Amino acid sequence: MVATPIGNLADITLRALHVLQLVDAIACEDTRHTAGMLGQYGLHKPLLALHQHNEAEAALVVAARLQAGERLAYVSDAGTPAISDPGARLVQAVRAAGCRVMPLPGPSSVTTLLSAAGLDAGLHGTEAGGFTFVGFLPAKTLERERVVQALAAECRAVVLLEAPHRMTELARALAVLGQRAVSVGRELTKQFEEIDTVPCASLGAWLTAQPQRLKGEFALVLHPQPVVAATEGSLPEQALHTLHLLLAELPLKTAVRVATDITRLPKNGLYQAALAWKNTQSGTTEN
């Protein structure tokens, strides 16, 4: 499984070039695209098409050739295979055939944008640390809106991917998140790369501010929800009642997790309220 450049051809790794030179054949998402890329490196190999429409069948062909003693590599059109690209079924088929799967790390739009989004405070040392990868949202409007509503309650950073022809619709859907910050990466690693951070409510205006912004591939990172110290009056009464009932029976983190699922409120706010309530109860007990 060989990661290939997401734009700049110089981002290929030495190990990737070495492996692509050694293998007997290369399975790939698009034979024309891959042939052109290999030509830039002076490589010419037999190619086997393996994409989302034929992955199950082509994966069996790859597995059979591996069992016969051949050495094969797989590349998607750009980036790391099996991350919003074909490759997962191939891995399953190869392992089922008793053959080894070797990942060759390299370019990924996910980690590329995360590294430039300035999320250190949101990824380390907080109750809502880390990030979640969502990828492409559903194409249908109602399904997309339901996912965005769920993301509104997600306290961690969220990584999204989108094609240029759907960015306007995505911006319209994300607008309901208001002032929550979103970092936009357009044409990452390419000549006209652009990275900016704006409020979700302003993403549509950002896109239309310059005509070229509606071109190119996009990666986006919703920044973590800010940690706000919650008080008894800052959360709905029913949510607090639910939280207090859970805290009486469960460990704090478990109670907060369940309360988040029930109330759909931000986890950070519930966590702060839980800490405040626990401290109050502790003081009452001691007195």
Protein backbone atom coordinates (compact mmCIF):
# COMPACT_ATOMS: atom_id res chain seq x y z
CA MET A 1 0.00 0.00 0.00
CA VAL A 2 2.01 2.94 -1.32
CA ALA A 3 1.17 6.55 -0.47
CA THR A 4 1.73 8.92 -3.40
CA PRO A 5 1.82 12.74 -3.68
CA ILE A 6 -1.43 14.68 -3.26
CA GLY A 7 -0.11 17.39 -5.56
CA ASN A 8 3.60 18.14 -5.52
CA LEU A 9 5.45 15.26 -7.21
CA ALA A 10 8.52 15.95 -5.09
CA ASP A 11 6.63 14.62 -2.06
CA ILE A 12 7.17 11.00 -3.11
CA THR A 13 9.30 9.07 -0.60
CA LEU A 14 12.55 7.31 -1.48
CA ARG A 15 11.09 4.07 -0.17
CA ALA A 16 8.02 4.45 -2.40
CA LEU A 17 10.20 4.93 -5.48
CA HIS A 18 12.31 1.91 -4.50
CA VAL A 19 9.27 -0.34 -4.09
CA LEU A 20 7.53 0.87 -7.24
CA GLN A 21 10.71 0.08 -9.16
CA LEU A 22 10.99 -3.43 -7.71
CA VAL A 23 7.42 -4.74 -8.05
CA ASP A 24 6.23 -6.85 -10.94
CA ALA A 25 3.03 -4.85 -11.39
CA ILE A 26 1.09 -1.99 -9.83
CA ALA A 27 -2.61 -2.05 -9.06
CA CYS A 28 -4.02 1.47 -9.19
CA GLU A 29 -7.21 3.50 -9.01
CA ASP A 30 -6.77 5.05 -12.48
CA THR A 31 -4.30 3.50 -14.95
CA ARG A 32 -3.95 6.67 -17.05
CA HIS A 33 -3.29 8.85 -14.03
CA THR A 34 -0.80 6.41 -12.54
CA ALA A 35 1.00 5.89 -15.85
CA GLY A 36 1.52 9.64 -16.10
CA MET A 37 2.78 9.87 -12.53
CA LEU A 38 5.20 6.96 -12.95
CA GLY A 39 6.50 8.51 -16.16
CA GLN A 40 7.52 11.62 -14.21
CA TYR A 41 9.83 9.39 -12.17
CA GLY A 42 11.12 7.44 -15.17
CA LEU A 43 9.22 4.29 -14.16
CA HIS A 44 7.19 2.03 -16.44
CA LYS A 45 5.31 -0.95 -14.99
CA PRO A 46 2.35 -3.15 -15.96
CA LEU A 47 -0.80 -1.64 -14.42
CA LEU A 48 -3.97 -3.26 -13.11
CA ALA A 49 -7.09 -1.15 -12.57
CA LEU A 50 -8.53 -1.44 -9.06
CA HIS A 51 -11.12 1.21 -8.21
CA GLN A 52 -14.36 1.56 -6.24
CA HIS A 53 -16.44 -0.11 -8.95
CA ASN A 54 -14.34 -3.28 -9.36
CA GLU A 55 -12.39 -3.49 -6.11
CA ALA A 56 -13.88 -6.78 -4.89
CA GLU A 57 -13.10 -8.62 -8.14
CA ALA A 58 -9.73 -6.97 -8.81
CA ALA A 59 -8.63 -7.64 -5.22
CA LEU A 60 -9.02 -11.38 -5.85
CA VAL A 61 -6.83 -11.07 -8.94
CA VAL A 62 -4.14 -9.27 -6.93
CA ALA A 63 -4.32 -11.89 -4.17
CA ALA A 64 -3.96 -14.73 -6.69
CA ARG A 65 -0.93 -13.11 -8.29
CA LEU A 66 0.66 -12.63 -4.87
CA GLN A 67 0.07 -16.29 -4.06
CA ALA A 68 1.77 -17.15 -7.35
CA GLY A 69 4.91 -15.38 -6.15
CA GLU A 70 4.58 -11.98 -7.80
CA ARG A 71 5.29 -8.72 -6.01
CA LEU A 72 2.56 -6.08 -6.38
CA ALA A 73 1.96 -2.57 -5.09
CA TYR A 74 -1.24 -0.57 -4.86
CA VAL A 75 -1.58 3.21 -5.30
CA SER A 76 -4.70 5.38 -5.30
CA ASP A 77 -4.92 8.53 -7.38
CA ALA A 78 -3.36 10.62 -4.60
CA GLY A 79 -2.41 10.29 -0.96
CA THR A 80 -2.63 7.23 1.25
CA PRO A 81 -4.78 4.36 -0.07
CA ALA A 82 -7.94 3.31 1.80
CA ILE A 83 -8.46 6.77 3.36
CA SER A 84 -11.55 7.94 1.45
CA ASP A 85 -9.99 6.00 -1.45
CA PRO A 86 -10.21 2.36 -2.55
CA GLY A 87 -7.91 -0.12 -0.81
CA ALA A 88 -9.72 -1.52 2.24
CA ARG A 89 -11.27 -4.46 0.38
CA LEU A 90 -7.92 -5.14 -1.25
CA VAL A 91 -6.25 -5.37 2.16
CA GLN A 92 -8.94 -7.77 3.38
CA ALA A 93 -8.61 -10.01 0.33
CA VAL A 94 -4.82 -10.12 0.49
CA ARG A 95 -4.82 -10.99 4.18
CA ALA A 96 -7.51 -13.62 3.63
CA ALA A 97 -5.22 -15.18 1.02
CA GLY A 98 -2.47 -15.46 3.63
CA CYS A 99 -0.27 -12.77 2.10
CA ARG A 100 1.41 -9.87 3.84
CA VAL A 101 0.21 -6.26 3.57
CA MET A 102 2.97 -3.67 3.91
CA PRO A 103 2.00 0.01 4.36
CA LEU A 104 4.40 2.61 3.00
CA PRO A 105 3.56 5.90 4.78
CA GLY A 106 3.59 9.19 2.98
CA PRO A 107 1.37 12.08 1.86
CA SER A 108 -2.15 12.48 3.23
CA SER A 109 -4.38 15.55 3.01
CA VAL A 110 -5.64 14.75 6.51
CA THR A 111 -2.32 15.04 8.32
CA THR A 112 -1.11 17.76 5.94
CA LEU A 113 -3.90 20.14 6.92
CA LEU A 114 -3.88 19.17 10.59
CA SER A 115 -0.21 20.12 10.78
CA ALA A 116 -1.00 23.64 9.55
CA ALA A 117 -4.30 24.23 11.38
CA GLY A 118 -2.76 25.21 14.73
CA LEU A 119 -4.73 22.72 16.84
CA ASP A 120 -2.13 21.85 19.49
CA ALA A 121 -4.30 23.08 22.35
CA GLY A 122 -7.24 21.10 21.06
CA LEU A 123 -5.35 17.86 20.43
CA HIS A 124 -3.44 17.48 23.68
CA GLY A 125 -4.20 17.72 27.34
CA THR A 126 -7.97 18.31 27.24
CA GLU A 127 -10.93 16.10 27.96
CA ALA A 128 -11.94 16.45 24.32
CA GLY A 129 -8.48 15.84 22.90
CA GLY A 130 -7.77 14.19 19.57
CA PHE A 131 -9.59 14.48 16.29
CA THR A 132 -12.14 12.47 14.35
CA PHE A 133 -11.94 11.80 10.61
CA VAL A 134 -15.29 12.01 8.82
CA GLY A 135 -14.16 12.45 5.21
CA PHE A 136 -16.82 13.21 2.60
CA LEU A 137 -20.28 14.09 3.91
CA PRO A 138 -23.37 12.53 2.27
CA ALA A 139 -24.33 14.04 -1.08
CA LYS A 140 -28.06 14.23 -0.28
CA THR A 141 -29.08 17.44 1.47
CA LEU A 142 -31.10 15.97 4.34
CA GLU A 143 -28.50 13.31 5.15
CA ARG A 144 -25.73 15.92 5.06
CA GLU A 145 -27.68 18.21 7.39
CA ARG A 146 -28.21 15.36 9.86
CA VAL A 147 -24.48 14.67 9.94
CA VAL A 148 -23.70 18.35 10.48
CA GLN A 149 -26.17 18.46 13.36
CA ALA A 150 -24.29 15.58 14.95
CA LEU A 151 -20.99 17.38 14.39
CA ALA A 152 -22.37 20.35 16.33
CA ALA A 153 -22.18 18.20 19.47
CA GLU A 154 -18.68 16.89 18.64
CA CYS A 155 -16.13 18.59 20.90
CA ARG A 156 -13.06 17.26 19.11
CA ALA A 157 -11.52 18.55 15.91
CA VAL A 158 -13.24 17.07 12.84
CA VAL A 159 -11.53 16.45 9.48
CA LEU A 160 -13.66 16.67 6.34
CA LEU A 161 -12.90 16.25 2.64
CA GLU A 162 -14.85 17.74 -0.24
CA ALA A 163 -14.83 18.06 -4.02
CA PRO A 164 -14.97 21.55 -5.57
CA HIS A 165 -18.43 21.14 -7.13
CA ARG A 166 -19.95 20.44 -3.68
CA MET A 167 -18.13 23.06 -1.61
CA THR A 168 -20.92 25.63 -1.85
CA GLU A 169 -23.42 23.12 -0.47
CA LEU A 170 -21.00 22.10 2.29
CA ALA A 171 -20.45 25.75 3.28
CA ARG A 172 -24.20 26.27 3.46
CA ALA A 173 -24.59 23.21 5.70
CA LEU A 174 -21.71 24.19 8.01
CA ALA A 175 -23.05 27.72 8.44
CA VAL A 176 -25.32 26.46 11.24
CA LEU A 177 -22.19 25.94 13.36
CA GLY A 178 -21.88 29.73 13.60
CA GLN A 179 -18.61 31.04 15.00
CA ARG A 180 -16.93 27.65 15.35
CA ALA A 181 -13.61 27.95 13.51
CA VAL A 182 -12.88 25.89 10.41
CA SER A 183 -9.51 25.64 8.67
CA VAL A 184 -9.78 25.26 4.90
CA GLY A 185 -7.03 23.68 2.83
CA ARG A 186 -7.43 24.14 -0.93
CA GLU A 187 -5.08 22.56 -3.48
CA LEU A 188 -2.75 21.35 -0.71
CA THR A 189 0.92 21.04 -1.77
CA LYS A 190 0.10 22.41 -5.24
CA GLN A 191 1.14 25.68 -6.85
CA PHE A 192 -1.98 27.57 -5.77
CA GLU A 193 -2.23 26.09 -2.28
CA GLU A 194 -4.34 28.12 0.10
CA ILE A 195 -4.89 27.56 3.83
CA ASP A 196 -7.09 29.83 5.89
CA THR A 197 -9.17 29.72 9.08
CA VAL A 198 -12.59 31.37 9.24
CA PRO A 199 -15.82 31.01 11.24
CA CYS A 200 -18.16 28.37 9.79
CA ALA A 201 -20.77 31.09 9.26
CA SER A 202 -18.32 32.93 6.97
CA LEU A 203 -17.12 29.95 4.91
CA GLY A 204 -19.52 30.67 2.05
CA ALA A 205 -18.37 34.30 1.83
CA TRP A 206 -14.73 33.14 1.92
CA LEU A 207 -15.35 30.81 -1.02
CA THR A 208 -16.96 33.47 -3.21
CA ALA A 209 -14.48 36.23 -2.32
CA GLN A 210 -12.15 34.98 -5.07
CA PRO A 211 -13.36 33.05 -8.16
CA GLN A 212 -10.53 30.49 -8.10
CA ARG A 213 -11.53 29.31 -4.64
CA LEU A 214 -14.29 27.17 -6.12
CA LYS A 215 -11.67 25.11 -7.94
CA GLY A 216 -9.43 22.36 -6.63
CA GLU A 217 -9.73 19.68 -3.96
CA PHE A 218 -10.53 20.62 -0.36
CA ALA A 219 -9.69 19.36 3.10
CA LEU A 220 -11.26 21.04 6.12
CA VAL A 221 -10.76 20.89 9.87
CA LEU A 222 -13.51 21.95 12.25
CA HIS A 223 -11.68 23.26 15.30
CA PRO A 224 -12.50 21.76 18.71
CA GLN A 225 -15.35 23.26 20.65
CA PRO A 226 -13.92 25.80 23.11
CA VAL A 227 -13.89 24.63 26.72
CA VAL A 228 -16.34 26.79 28.62
CA ALA A 229 -16.64 26.59 32.37
CA ALA A 230 -20.21 25.43 32.89
CA THR A 231 -22.40 26.60 35.79
CA GLU A 232 -25.75 25.37 37.02
CA GLY A 233 -27.43 28.08 34.98
CA SER A 234 -25.53 27.56 31.73
CA LEU A 235 -27.08 24.17 30.88
CA PRO A 236 -30.75 23.25 30.44
CA GLU A 237 -32.39 22.09 33.66
CA GLN A 238 -33.35 18.70 32.19
CA ALA A 239 -29.77 18.11 31.01
CA LEU A 240 -28.44 18.88 34.49
CA HIS A 241 -31.01 16.56 36.06
CA THR A 242 -29.97 13.76 33.71
CA LEU A 243 -26.30 14.40 34.42
CA HIS A 244 -26.81 14.38 38.21
CA LEU A 245 -28.73 11.08 38.05
CA LEU A 246 -25.93 9.50 36.03
CA LEU A 247 -23.22 10.85 38.33
CA ALA A 248 -24.96 9.24 41.29
CA GLU A 249 -24.52 5.81 39.72
CA LEU A 250 -21.54 6.00 37.36
CA PRO A 251 -17.90 7.19 37.33
CA LEU A 252 -17.57 10.79 36.19
CA LYS A 253 -16.21 10.17 32.69
CA THR A 254 -18.75 7.45 31.98
CA ALA A 255 -21.59 9.64 33.22
CA VAL A 256 -20.46 12.53 31.02
CA ARG A 257 -20.18 10.28 27.97
CA VAL A 258 -23.68 8.89 28.46
CA ALA A 259 -25.08 12.36 29.17
CA THR A 260 -23.51 13.62 25.95
CA ASP A 261 -25.22 10.84 23.97
CA ILE A 262 -28.58 11.53 25.63
CA THR A 263 -28.63 15.33 25.56
CA ARG A 264 -26.54 15.94 22.40
CA LEU A 265 -24.90 18.83 24.27
CA PRO A 266 -21.13 19.55 23.98
CA LYS A 267 -19.11 17.14 26.07
CA ASN A 268 -16.83 19.84 27.45
CA GLY A 269 -19.70 21.79 29.01
CA LEU A 270 -21.16 18.66 30.60
CA TYR A 271 -17.76 17.65 31.89
CA GLN A 272 -17.20 21.02 33.55
CA ALA A 273 -20.69 20.89 35.07
CA ALA A 274 -20.01 17.38 36.35
CA LEU A 275 -16.78 18.50 38.00
CA ALA A 276 -18.56 21.45 39.62
CA TRP A 277 -21.36 19.21 40.92
CA LYS A 278 -18.89 16.61 42.23
CA ASN A 279 -16.96 19.33 44.07
CA THR A 280 -20.20 20.64 45.57
CA GLN A 281 -21.20 17.18 46.73
CA SER A 282 -17.76 16.58 48.19
CA GLY A 283 -17.95 19.83 50.16
CA THR A 284 -21.45 18.93 51.42
CA THR A 285 -20.29 15.51 52.55
CA GLU A 286 -17.30 16.90 54.42
CA ASN A 287 -19.51 19.45 56.21
